[in-house]
Amino acid sequence: MQMRIWTLLAILSLIAAVTGCEKSAPAPKQDKAQHDHSQHQHEPAAEPEADEPAGPRIETGSFLLAVAPAQPKYAAGKAGDLEIALESRGEWHVNQEYPIRVDIKAAPGVTIPKAELLKDDAKEFGDEKVRFVAAVEPSSAGKHEVTCDVSFAMCTEENCILEKRTVAMQLKVE
């Protein structure tokens, strides 16, 4: 329950930080390079149920969000990487003005040297795709869950939707 309250407060803070537009007719189509997100309304996305398990990928009509190994094997005592990728779908694009954020947590047995990734940490950042590479340092063999909480906004010419989604994967360490 406390987690939902904090999530709701975070969403309300984000909404307050993002400027919206009046609910009038949509602005005329513009070239993507000149698109101004401050003209559009921002709506929070529906929150997934708290008891829903996170998967390694979430795909909707507006985006694909995934966490995946960035290498074929992980070994105890050897640093490695994993990849977090967000891709737009259809007429949607990533709002480059919204402060994208990835918070990474790992089960015991894996250390995350940089647990908070922001726009400047992205290896690739564009309208159609955002890609982060995060370092992981496994200290013991076995399967260890790594969870990524990702905050971002997806937009069309008429609307922007704030998203906060969680993806998770099992890091198999030899």
N, C-alpha and C. Protein backbone atom coordinates (compact mmCIF):
# COMPACT_ATOMS: atom_id res chain seq x y z
N MET A 1 0.82 -1.19 0.00
CA MET A 1 0.00 0.00 0.00
C MET A 1 0.87 1.26 0.00
N GLN A 2 1.94 1.24 0.84
CA GLN A 2 2.82 2.38 0.91
C GLN A 2 3.51 2.61 -0.43
N MET A 3 3.85 1.51 -1.13
CA MET A 3 4.49 1.61 -2.45
C MET A 3 3.55 2.32 -3.43
N ARG A 4 2.26 1.98 -3.39
CA ARG A 4 1.30 2.63 -4.30
C ARG A 4 1.17 4.12 -4.00
N ILE A 5 1.22 4.49 -2.73
CA ILE A 5 1.14 5.90 -2.35
C ILE A 5 2.36 6.64 -2.90
N TRP A 6 3.56 6.06 -2.73
CA TRP A 6 4.77 6.69 -3.25
C TRP A 6 4.74 6.77 -4.76
N THR A 7 4.22 5.72 -5.40
CA THR A 7 4.10 5.73 -6.86
C THR A 7 3.16 6.84 -7.30
N LEU A 8 2.02 6.96 -6.63
CA LEU A 8 1.05 8.00 -6.95
C LEU A 8 1.66 9.38 -6.75
N LEU A 9 2.39 9.58 -5.64
CA LEU A 9 3.05 10.87 -5.39
C LEU A 9 4.08 11.17 -6.47
N ALA A 10 4.83 10.16 -6.89
CA ALA A 10 5.82 10.36 -7.94
C ALA A 10 5.15 10.77 -9.24
N ILE A 11 4.04 10.11 -9.58
CA ILE A 11 3.32 10.44 -10.81
C ILE A 11 2.78 11.86 -10.73
N LEU A 12 2.20 12.23 -9.59
CA LEU A 12 1.66 13.58 -9.44
C LEU A 12 2.76 14.63 -9.54
N SER A 13 3.94 14.33 -8.97
CA SER A 13 5.08 15.26 -9.08
C SER A 13 5.51 15.41 -10.52
N LEU A 14 5.54 14.30 -11.25
CA LEU A 14 5.94 14.35 -12.66
C LEU A 14 4.93 15.16 -13.48
N ILE A 15 3.66 14.96 -13.20
CA ILE A 15 2.63 15.70 -13.93
C ILE A 15 2.77 17.19 -13.65
N ALA A 16 3.05 17.54 -12.39
CA ALA A 16 3.21 18.95 -12.05
C ALA A 16 4.42 19.55 -12.75
N ALA A 17 5.44 18.74 -13.00
CA ALA A 17 6.66 19.23 -13.64
C ALA A 17 6.53 19.39 -15.14
N VAL A 18 5.57 18.70 -15.72
CA VAL A 18 5.42 18.71 -17.18
C VAL A 18 4.29 19.66 -17.54
N THR A 19 4.52 20.57 -18.48
CA THR A 19 3.46 21.49 -18.89
C THR A 19 2.53 20.81 -19.86
N GLY A 20 1.27 21.13 -19.75
CA GLY A 20 0.26 20.54 -20.63
C GLY A 20 -0.37 21.60 -21.50
N CYS A 21 -1.30 21.19 -22.28
CA CYS A 21 -2.01 22.15 -23.14
C CYS A 21 -3.49 22.11 -22.81
N GLU A 22 -4.22 23.03 -23.37
CA GLU A 22 -5.65 23.04 -23.21
C GLU A 22 -6.25 21.91 -24.03
N LYS A 23 -7.42 21.45 -23.65
CA LYS A 23 -8.08 20.36 -24.37
C LYS A 23 -8.87 20.92 -25.53
N SER A 24 -8.17 21.53 -26.46
CA SER A 24 -8.81 22.07 -27.66
C SER A 24 -8.44 21.19 -28.83
N ALA A 25 -8.79 21.62 -30.01
CA ALA A 25 -8.47 20.85 -31.21
C ALA A 25 -6.96 20.68 -31.32
N PRO A 26 -6.53 19.54 -31.86
CA PRO A 26 -5.09 19.32 -31.98
C PRO A 26 -4.43 20.35 -32.89
N ALA A 27 -3.17 20.61 -32.60
CA ALA A 27 -2.40 21.55 -33.42
C ALA A 27 -2.20 20.95 -34.80
N PRO A 28 -2.00 21.78 -35.80
CA PRO A 28 -1.75 21.25 -37.14
C PRO A 28 -0.47 20.41 -37.14
N LYS A 29 -0.40 19.46 -38.07
CA LYS A 29 0.76 18.59 -38.19
C LYS A 29 2.00 19.44 -38.44
N GLN A 30 3.09 19.08 -37.76
CA GLN A 30 4.35 19.79 -37.92
C GLN A 30 5.42 18.79 -38.30
N ASP A 31 6.51 19.31 -38.82
CA ASP A 31 7.68 18.48 -39.08
C ASP A 31 8.18 17.98 -37.73
N LYS A 32 8.61 16.72 -37.64
CA LYS A 32 9.07 16.14 -36.38
C LYS A 32 10.16 16.98 -35.73
N ALA A 33 11.07 17.54 -36.50
CA ALA A 33 12.18 18.30 -35.95
C ALA A 33 11.69 19.56 -35.24
N GLN A 34 10.51 20.07 -35.62
CA GLN A 34 10.00 21.30 -35.03
C GLN A 34 8.88 21.04 -34.04
N HIS A 35 8.61 19.80 -33.72
CA HIS A 35 7.51 19.44 -32.85
C HIS A 35 7.75 19.96 -31.44
N ASP A 36 6.78 20.66 -30.87
CA ASP A 36 6.90 21.24 -29.54
C ASP A 36 5.96 20.50 -28.60
N HIS A 37 6.52 19.75 -27.67
CA HIS A 37 5.72 18.96 -26.75
C HIS A 37 4.98 19.82 -25.72
N SER A 38 5.37 21.05 -25.55
CA SER A 38 4.69 21.89 -24.58
C SER A 38 3.27 22.24 -25.03
N GLN A 39 2.92 21.96 -26.29
CA GLN A 39 1.58 22.26 -26.79
C GLN A 39 0.58 21.15 -26.49
N HIS A 40 1.02 20.02 -25.97
CA HIS A 40 0.15 18.86 -25.86
C HIS A 40 -0.13 18.48 -24.42
N GLN A 41 -1.28 17.85 -24.23
CA GLN A 41 -1.64 17.41 -22.90
C GLN A 41 -0.82 16.17 -22.55
N HIS A 42 -0.54 16.02 -21.28
CA HIS A 42 0.21 14.87 -20.80
C HIS A 42 -0.70 14.09 -19.85
N GLU A 43 -0.86 12.82 -20.12
CA GLU A 43 -1.72 11.98 -19.30
C GLU A 43 -0.90 10.86 -18.70
N PRO A 44 -1.08 10.57 -17.40
CA PRO A 44 -0.35 9.45 -16.84
C PRO A 44 -0.91 8.14 -17.38
N ALA A 45 -0.04 7.18 -17.57
CA ALA A 45 -0.48 5.86 -18.03
C ALA A 45 -1.10 5.10 -16.88
N ALA A 46 -1.92 4.14 -17.20
CA ALA A 46 -2.50 3.29 -16.18
C ALA A 46 -1.38 2.47 -15.54
N GLU A 47 -1.38 2.39 -14.24
CA GLU A 47 -0.37 1.63 -13.51
C GLU A 47 -0.68 0.14 -13.60
N PRO A 48 0.34 -0.69 -13.84
CA PRO A 48 0.10 -2.12 -13.80
C PRO A 48 -0.18 -2.54 -12.36
N GLU A 49 -0.88 -3.62 -12.18
CA GLU A 49 -1.18 -4.11 -10.84
C GLU A 49 0.11 -4.42 -10.10
N ALA A 50 0.15 -4.12 -8.80
CA ALA A 50 1.36 -4.31 -8.00
C ALA A 50 1.78 -5.77 -7.93
N ASP A 51 0.82 -6.71 -7.99
CA ASP A 51 1.18 -8.12 -7.87
C ASP A 51 1.53 -8.75 -9.21
N GLU A 52 1.49 -7.99 -10.30
CA GLU A 52 1.89 -8.51 -11.60
C GLU A 52 3.41 -8.65 -11.63
N PRO A 53 3.90 -9.84 -11.99
CA PRO A 53 5.36 -9.98 -12.06
C PRO A 53 5.92 -9.21 -13.25
N ALA A 54 7.08 -8.62 -13.06
CA ALA A 54 7.73 -7.92 -14.16
C ALA A 54 8.35 -8.95 -15.09
N GLY A 55 8.33 -8.68 -16.38
CA GLY A 55 8.95 -9.56 -17.35
C GLY A 55 10.14 -8.87 -17.98
N PRO A 56 10.87 -9.58 -18.82
CA PRO A 56 12.01 -8.93 -19.46
C PRO A 56 11.61 -7.96 -20.56
N ARG A 57 10.33 -7.99 -20.99
CA ARG A 57 9.89 -7.05 -22.01
C ARG A 57 8.41 -6.72 -21.83
N ILE A 58 8.08 -5.49 -22.20
CA ILE A 58 6.70 -5.02 -22.21
C ILE A 58 6.49 -4.40 -23.58
N GLU A 59 5.44 -4.83 -24.28
CA GLU A 59 5.14 -4.25 -25.59
C GLU A 59 3.70 -3.78 -25.60
N THR A 60 3.50 -2.53 -26.02
CA THR A 60 2.17 -1.94 -26.16
C THR A 60 2.05 -1.41 -27.58
N GLY A 61 0.97 -0.73 -27.87
CA GLY A 61 0.81 -0.12 -29.18
C GLY A 61 1.71 1.08 -29.39
N SER A 62 2.29 1.63 -28.30
CA SER A 62 3.13 2.82 -28.42
C SER A 62 4.62 2.56 -28.20
N PHE A 63 4.98 1.45 -27.52
CA PHE A 63 6.39 1.22 -27.25
C PHE A 63 6.69 -0.25 -26.97
N LEU A 64 8.00 -0.55 -27.04
CA LEU A 64 8.56 -1.82 -26.58
C LEU A 64 9.65 -1.44 -25.60
N LEU A 65 9.59 -1.98 -24.39
CA LEU A 65 10.60 -1.76 -23.36
C LEU A 65 11.15 -3.12 -22.98
N ALA A 66 12.47 -3.28 -22.99
CA ALA A 66 13.06 -4.58 -22.70
C ALA A 66 14.39 -4.44 -21.97
N VAL A 67 14.67 -5.44 -21.13
CA VAL A 67 15.99 -5.57 -20.51
C VAL A 67 16.52 -6.93 -20.96
N ALA A 68 17.81 -6.97 -21.35
CA ALA A 68 18.38 -8.20 -21.90
C ALA A 68 19.88 -8.26 -21.62
N PRO A 69 20.44 -9.47 -21.63
CA PRO A 69 21.89 -9.59 -21.48
C PRO A 69 22.59 -8.88 -22.63
N ALA A 70 23.70 -8.23 -22.35
CA ALA A 70 24.47 -7.56 -23.40
C ALA A 70 25.67 -8.42 -23.80
N GLN A 71 25.72 -9.63 -23.28
CA GLN A 71 26.81 -10.56 -23.59
C GLN A 71 26.31 -11.98 -23.43
N PRO A 72 27.02 -12.96 -23.99
CA PRO A 72 26.51 -14.34 -23.96
C PRO A 72 26.57 -15.01 -22.58
N LYS A 73 27.58 -14.69 -21.75
CA LYS A 73 27.72 -15.34 -20.43
C LYS A 73 28.14 -14.34 -19.37
N TYR A 74 27.79 -14.69 -18.13
CA TYR A 74 28.23 -13.92 -16.97
C TYR A 74 28.96 -14.88 -16.05
N ALA A 75 30.07 -14.41 -15.45
CA ALA A 75 30.84 -15.24 -14.54
C ALA A 75 31.03 -14.51 -13.21
N ALA A 76 30.97 -15.26 -12.12
CA ALA A 76 31.17 -14.68 -10.79
C ALA A 76 32.56 -14.03 -10.75
N GLY A 77 32.61 -12.82 -10.22
CA GLY A 77 33.88 -12.11 -10.11
C GLY A 77 34.29 -11.33 -11.35
N LYS A 78 33.51 -11.43 -12.43
CA LYS A 78 33.83 -10.70 -13.67
C LYS A 78 32.71 -9.71 -13.98
N ALA A 79 33.09 -8.46 -14.23
CA ALA A 79 32.10 -7.43 -14.56
C ALA A 79 31.48 -7.73 -15.92
N GLY A 80 30.25 -7.33 -16.08
CA GLY A 80 29.53 -7.51 -17.34
C GLY A 80 28.55 -6.37 -17.55
N ASP A 81 27.74 -6.49 -18.60
CA ASP A 81 26.77 -5.45 -18.94
C ASP A 81 25.41 -6.06 -19.24
N LEU A 82 24.38 -5.26 -19.07
CA LEU A 82 23.05 -5.60 -19.57
C LEU A 82 22.52 -4.38 -20.29
N GLU A 83 21.52 -4.61 -21.16
CA GLU A 83 20.98 -3.54 -22.00
C GLU A 83 19.52 -3.29 -21.67
N ILE A 84 19.17 -2.02 -21.55
CA ILE A 84 17.78 -1.60 -21.37
C ILE A 84 17.44 -0.78 -22.61
N ALA A 85 16.41 -1.21 -23.36
CA ALA A 85 16.07 -0.52 -24.61
C ALA A 85 14.59 -0.15 -24.64
N LEU A 86 14.31 1.03 -25.15
CA LEU A 86 12.95 1.53 -25.35
C LEU A 86 12.82 1.89 -26.82
N GLU A 87 11.83 1.30 -27.50
CA GLU A 87 11.60 1.58 -28.92
C GLU A 87 10.17 2.05 -29.12
N SER A 88 10.01 3.06 -29.96
CA SER A 88 8.67 3.57 -30.25
C SER A 88 7.96 2.64 -31.23
N ARG A 89 6.64 2.72 -31.25
CA ARG A 89 5.81 1.93 -32.16
C ARG A 89 4.83 2.86 -32.87
N GLY A 90 4.55 2.55 -34.14
CA GLY A 90 3.54 3.31 -34.89
C GLY A 90 3.84 4.79 -34.96
N GLU A 91 2.82 5.60 -34.69
CA GLU A 91 2.96 7.06 -34.77
C GLU A 91 3.59 7.66 -33.52
N TRP A 92 3.92 6.85 -32.54
CA TRP A 92 4.48 7.32 -31.28
C TRP A 92 5.98 7.56 -31.40
N HIS A 93 6.49 8.47 -30.57
CA HIS A 93 7.94 8.69 -30.46
C HIS A 93 8.28 9.01 -29.01
N VAL A 94 9.54 8.81 -28.68
CA VAL A 94 10.03 9.10 -27.33
C VAL A 94 10.12 10.62 -27.17
N ASN A 95 9.57 11.13 -26.09
CA ASN A 95 9.66 12.55 -25.78
C ASN A 95 11.07 12.82 -25.27
N GLN A 96 11.87 13.49 -26.07
CA GLN A 96 13.26 13.75 -25.70
C GLN A 96 13.41 14.85 -24.66
N GLU A 97 12.35 15.60 -24.41
CA GLU A 97 12.39 16.67 -23.41
C GLU A 97 12.04 16.16 -22.02
N TYR A 98 11.38 15.02 -21.93
CA TYR A 98 10.99 14.45 -20.64
C TYR A 98 12.21 13.81 -19.98
N PRO A 99 12.38 13.99 -18.68
CA PRO A 99 13.56 13.45 -18.00
C PRO A 99 13.50 11.93 -17.81
N ILE A 100 13.91 11.18 -18.83
CA ILE A 100 13.91 9.72 -18.77
C ILE A 100 14.83 9.27 -17.63
N ARG A 101 14.43 8.16 -16.98
CA ARG A 101 15.20 7.68 -15.83
C ARG A 101 15.05 6.16 -15.72
N VAL A 102 16.16 5.48 -15.39
CA VAL A 102 16.16 4.04 -15.16
C VAL A 102 16.77 3.81 -13.78
N ASP A 103 16.02 3.17 -12.89
CA ASP A 103 16.52 2.79 -11.56
C ASP A 103 16.68 1.28 -11.56
N ILE A 104 17.90 0.80 -11.30
CA ILE A 104 18.22 -0.62 -11.38
C ILE A 104 18.47 -1.17 -9.99
N LYS A 105 17.86 -2.34 -9.72
CA LYS A 105 18.07 -3.05 -8.46
C LYS A 105 18.42 -4.48 -8.79
N ALA A 106 19.25 -5.10 -7.95
CA ALA A 106 19.62 -6.49 -8.18
C ALA A 106 19.52 -7.26 -6.88
N ALA A 107 19.27 -8.56 -7.03
CA ALA A 107 19.22 -9.46 -5.89
C ALA A 107 20.63 -9.59 -5.30
N PRO A 108 20.74 -10.06 -4.06
CA PRO A 108 22.06 -10.31 -3.49
C PRO A 108 22.86 -11.22 -4.43
N GLY A 109 24.15 -10.95 -4.54
CA GLY A 109 24.99 -11.71 -5.45
C GLY A 109 25.35 -10.92 -6.69
N VAL A 110 24.69 -9.75 -6.88
CA VAL A 110 25.00 -8.88 -8.03
C VAL A 110 25.03 -7.43 -7.54
N THR A 111 26.10 -6.74 -7.87
CA THR A 111 26.24 -5.32 -7.54
C THR A 111 26.02 -4.51 -8.82
N ILE A 112 25.32 -3.40 -8.67
CA ILE A 112 25.09 -2.48 -9.79
C ILE A 112 25.91 -1.22 -9.47
N PRO A 113 27.04 -0.99 -10.14
CA PRO A 113 27.88 0.18 -9.83
C PRO A 113 27.16 1.52 -10.00
N LYS A 114 26.31 1.64 -11.03
CA LYS A 114 25.55 2.87 -11.23
C LYS A 114 24.09 2.48 -11.35
N ALA A 115 23.35 2.65 -10.25
CA ALA A 115 21.97 2.17 -10.18
C ALA A 115 20.95 3.15 -10.75
N GLU A 116 21.35 4.38 -11.04
CA GLU A 116 20.44 5.38 -11.61
C GLU A 116 21.02 5.86 -12.92
N LEU A 117 20.28 5.65 -14.00
CA LEU A 117 20.71 6.10 -15.32
C LEU A 117 19.76 7.19 -15.81
N LEU A 118 20.34 8.26 -16.36
CA LEU A 118 19.56 9.37 -16.90
C LEU A 118 19.89 9.56 -18.38
N LYS A 119 19.27 10.53 -19.00
CA LYS A 119 19.43 10.78 -20.44
C LYS A 119 20.89 10.80 -20.88
N ASP A 120 21.75 11.48 -20.14
CA ASP A 120 23.16 11.59 -20.51
C ASP A 120 23.90 10.26 -20.46
N ASP A 121 23.34 9.26 -19.77
CA ASP A 121 23.96 7.94 -19.67
C ASP A 121 23.60 7.04 -20.86
N ALA A 122 22.63 7.46 -21.67
CA ALA A 122 22.16 6.63 -22.77
C ALA A 122 23.25 6.46 -23.83
N LYS A 123 23.38 5.25 -24.35
CA LYS A 123 24.31 4.96 -25.45
C LYS A 123 23.70 5.40 -26.77
N GLU A 124 22.37 5.44 -26.82
CA GLU A 124 21.63 5.86 -28.01
C GLU A 124 20.38 6.59 -27.51
N PHE A 125 20.08 7.76 -28.08
CA PHE A 125 18.92 8.52 -27.62
C PHE A 125 18.29 9.24 -28.80
N GLY A 126 17.13 8.78 -29.23
CA GLY A 126 16.45 9.41 -30.35
C GLY A 126 14.94 9.26 -30.23
N ASP A 127 14.22 9.79 -31.21
CA ASP A 127 12.76 9.70 -31.24
C ASP A 127 12.28 8.25 -31.26
N GLU A 128 13.00 7.41 -31.99
CA GLU A 128 12.54 6.04 -32.19
C GLU A 128 13.15 5.02 -31.23
N LYS A 129 14.32 5.32 -30.65
CA LYS A 129 14.95 4.35 -29.78
C LYS A 129 15.84 5.03 -28.74
N VAL A 130 15.76 4.49 -27.51
CA VAL A 130 16.65 4.88 -26.43
C VAL A 130 17.28 3.59 -25.92
N ARG A 131 18.61 3.61 -25.76
CA ARG A 131 19.30 2.39 -25.32
C ARG A 131 20.32 2.75 -24.25
N PHE A 132 20.24 2.02 -23.13
CA PHE A 132 21.20 2.16 -22.04
C PHE A 132 21.98 0.86 -21.91
N VAL A 133 23.24 0.95 -21.52
CA VAL A 133 24.03 -0.22 -21.17
C VAL A 133 24.44 -0.01 -19.71
N ALA A 134 24.07 -0.97 -18.85
CA ALA A 134 24.36 -0.86 -17.42
C ALA A 134 25.37 -1.93 -17.01
N ALA A 135 26.33 -1.53 -16.21
CA ALA A 135 27.32 -2.47 -15.69
C ALA A 135 26.71 -3.29 -14.56
N VAL A 136 27.08 -4.57 -14.53
CA VAL A 136 26.70 -5.47 -13.44
C VAL A 136 27.96 -6.19 -12.99
N GLU A 137 28.04 -6.44 -11.68
CA GLU A 137 29.19 -7.15 -11.12
C GLU A 137 28.70 -8.32 -10.29
N PRO A 138 28.56 -9.51 -10.91
CA PRO A 138 28.10 -10.68 -10.16
C PRO A 138 29.21 -11.21 -9.25
N SER A 139 28.85 -11.53 -8.01
CA SER A 139 29.85 -12.05 -7.07
C SER A 139 29.64 -13.53 -6.77
N SER A 140 28.49 -14.08 -7.16
CA SER A 140 28.26 -15.50 -6.90
C SER A 140 27.49 -16.13 -8.06
N ALA A 141 27.71 -17.43 -8.24
CA ALA A 141 27.03 -18.17 -9.30
C ALA A 141 25.55 -18.35 -8.96
N GLY A 142 24.76 -18.61 -10.00
CA GLY A 142 23.33 -18.85 -9.81
C GLY A 142 22.51 -17.87 -10.64
N LYS A 143 21.20 -17.90 -10.40
CA LYS A 143 20.29 -16.98 -11.08
C LYS A 143 19.96 -15.84 -10.12
N HIS A 144 20.15 -14.61 -10.60
CA HIS A 144 19.92 -13.42 -9.79
C HIS A 144 19.01 -12.47 -10.55
N GLU A 145 17.92 -12.03 -9.91
CA GLU A 145 17.00 -11.12 -10.59
C GLU A 145 17.55 -9.70 -10.59
N VAL A 146 17.44 -9.06 -11.76
CA VAL A 146 17.78 -7.65 -11.92
C VAL A 146 16.50 -6.95 -12.37
N THR A 147 16.12 -5.88 -11.67
CA THR A 147 14.88 -5.16 -11.94
C THR A 147 15.20 -3.73 -12.37
N CYS A 148 14.52 -3.27 -13.40
CA CYS A 148 14.70 -1.90 -13.91
C CYS A 148 13.37 -1.17 -13.88
N ASP A 149 13.29 -0.10 -13.10
CA ASP A 149 12.12 0.78 -13.08
C ASP A 149 12.43 1.92 -14.04
N VAL A 150 11.61 2.07 -15.10
CA VAL A 150 11.91 3.03 -16.15
C VAL A 150 10.78 4.06 -16.23
N SER A 151 11.15 5.35 -16.14
CA SER A 151 10.20 6.46 -16.29
C SER A 151 10.50 7.17 -17.59
N PHE A 152 9.46 7.38 -18.41
CA PHE A 152 9.64 8.00 -19.72
C PHE A 152 8.30 8.53 -20.20
N ALA A 153 8.30 9.21 -21.35
CA ALA A 153 7.06 9.71 -21.95
C ALA A 153 7.06 9.38 -23.43
N MET A 154 5.91 8.92 -23.92
CA MET A 154 5.71 8.62 -25.34
C MET A 154 4.70 9.63 -25.88
N CYS A 155 4.97 10.11 -27.11
CA CYS A 155 4.11 11.16 -27.68
C CYS A 155 3.71 10.86 -29.12
N THR A 156 2.57 11.43 -29.49
CA THR A 156 2.16 11.55 -30.88
C THR A 156 2.09 13.06 -31.13
N GLU A 157 1.63 13.45 -32.30
CA GLU A 157 1.48 14.87 -32.58
C GLU A 157 0.41 15.51 -31.67
N GLU A 158 -0.56 14.71 -31.20
CA GLU A 158 -1.66 15.24 -30.41
C GLU A 158 -1.54 15.03 -28.91
N ASN A 159 -0.71 14.10 -28.45
CA ASN A 159 -0.78 13.70 -27.06
C ASN A 159 0.55 13.14 -26.57
N CYS A 160 0.79 13.29 -25.28
CA CYS A 160 1.94 12.65 -24.63
C CYS A 160 1.43 11.86 -23.42
N ILE A 161 1.99 10.69 -23.24
CA ILE A 161 1.61 9.81 -22.14
C ILE A 161 2.84 9.56 -21.28
N LEU A 162 2.73 9.85 -19.98
CA LEU A 162 3.80 9.55 -19.04
C LEU A 162 3.73 8.08 -18.68
N GLU A 163 4.87 7.42 -18.64
CA GLU A 163 4.93 5.99 -18.34
C GLU A 163 5.93 5.74 -17.22
N LYS A 164 5.63 4.79 -16.37
CA LYS A 164 6.58 4.25 -15.41
C LYS A 164 6.35 2.75 -15.43
N ARG A 165 7.32 2.02 -15.96
CA ARG A 165 7.18 0.58 -16.13
C ARG A 165 8.37 -0.13 -15.52
N THR A 166 8.14 -1.38 -15.14
CA THR A 166 9.19 -2.21 -14.56
C THR A 166 9.41 -3.43 -15.43
N VAL A 167 10.67 -3.67 -15.78
CA VAL A 167 11.06 -4.88 -16.48
C VAL A 167 12.14 -5.57 -15.63
N ALA A 168 12.17 -6.90 -15.71
CA ALA A 168 13.12 -7.66 -14.90
C ALA A 168 13.62 -8.86 -15.69
N MET A 169 14.82 -9.32 -15.35
CA MET A 169 15.38 -10.49 -15.99
C MET A 169 16.18 -11.30 -14.97
N GLN A 170 16.36 -12.57 -15.28
CA GLN A 170 17.20 -13.43 -14.47
C GLN A 170 18.61 -13.40 -15.07
N LEU A 171 19.56 -12.95 -14.29
CA LEU A 171 20.96 -12.94 -14.71
C LEU A 171 21.55 -14.29 -14.31
N LYS A 172 21.91 -15.10 -15.30
CA LYS A 172 22.47 -16.42 -15.05
C LYS A 172 23.98 -16.31 -14.97
N VAL A 173 24.50 -16.55 -13.77
CA VAL A 173 25.93 -16.41 -13.52
C VAL A 173 26.56 -17.77 -13.30
N GLU A 174 27.67 -18.03 -14.00
CA GLU A 174 28.38 -19.31 -13.86
C GLU A 174 29.45 -19.22 -12.81
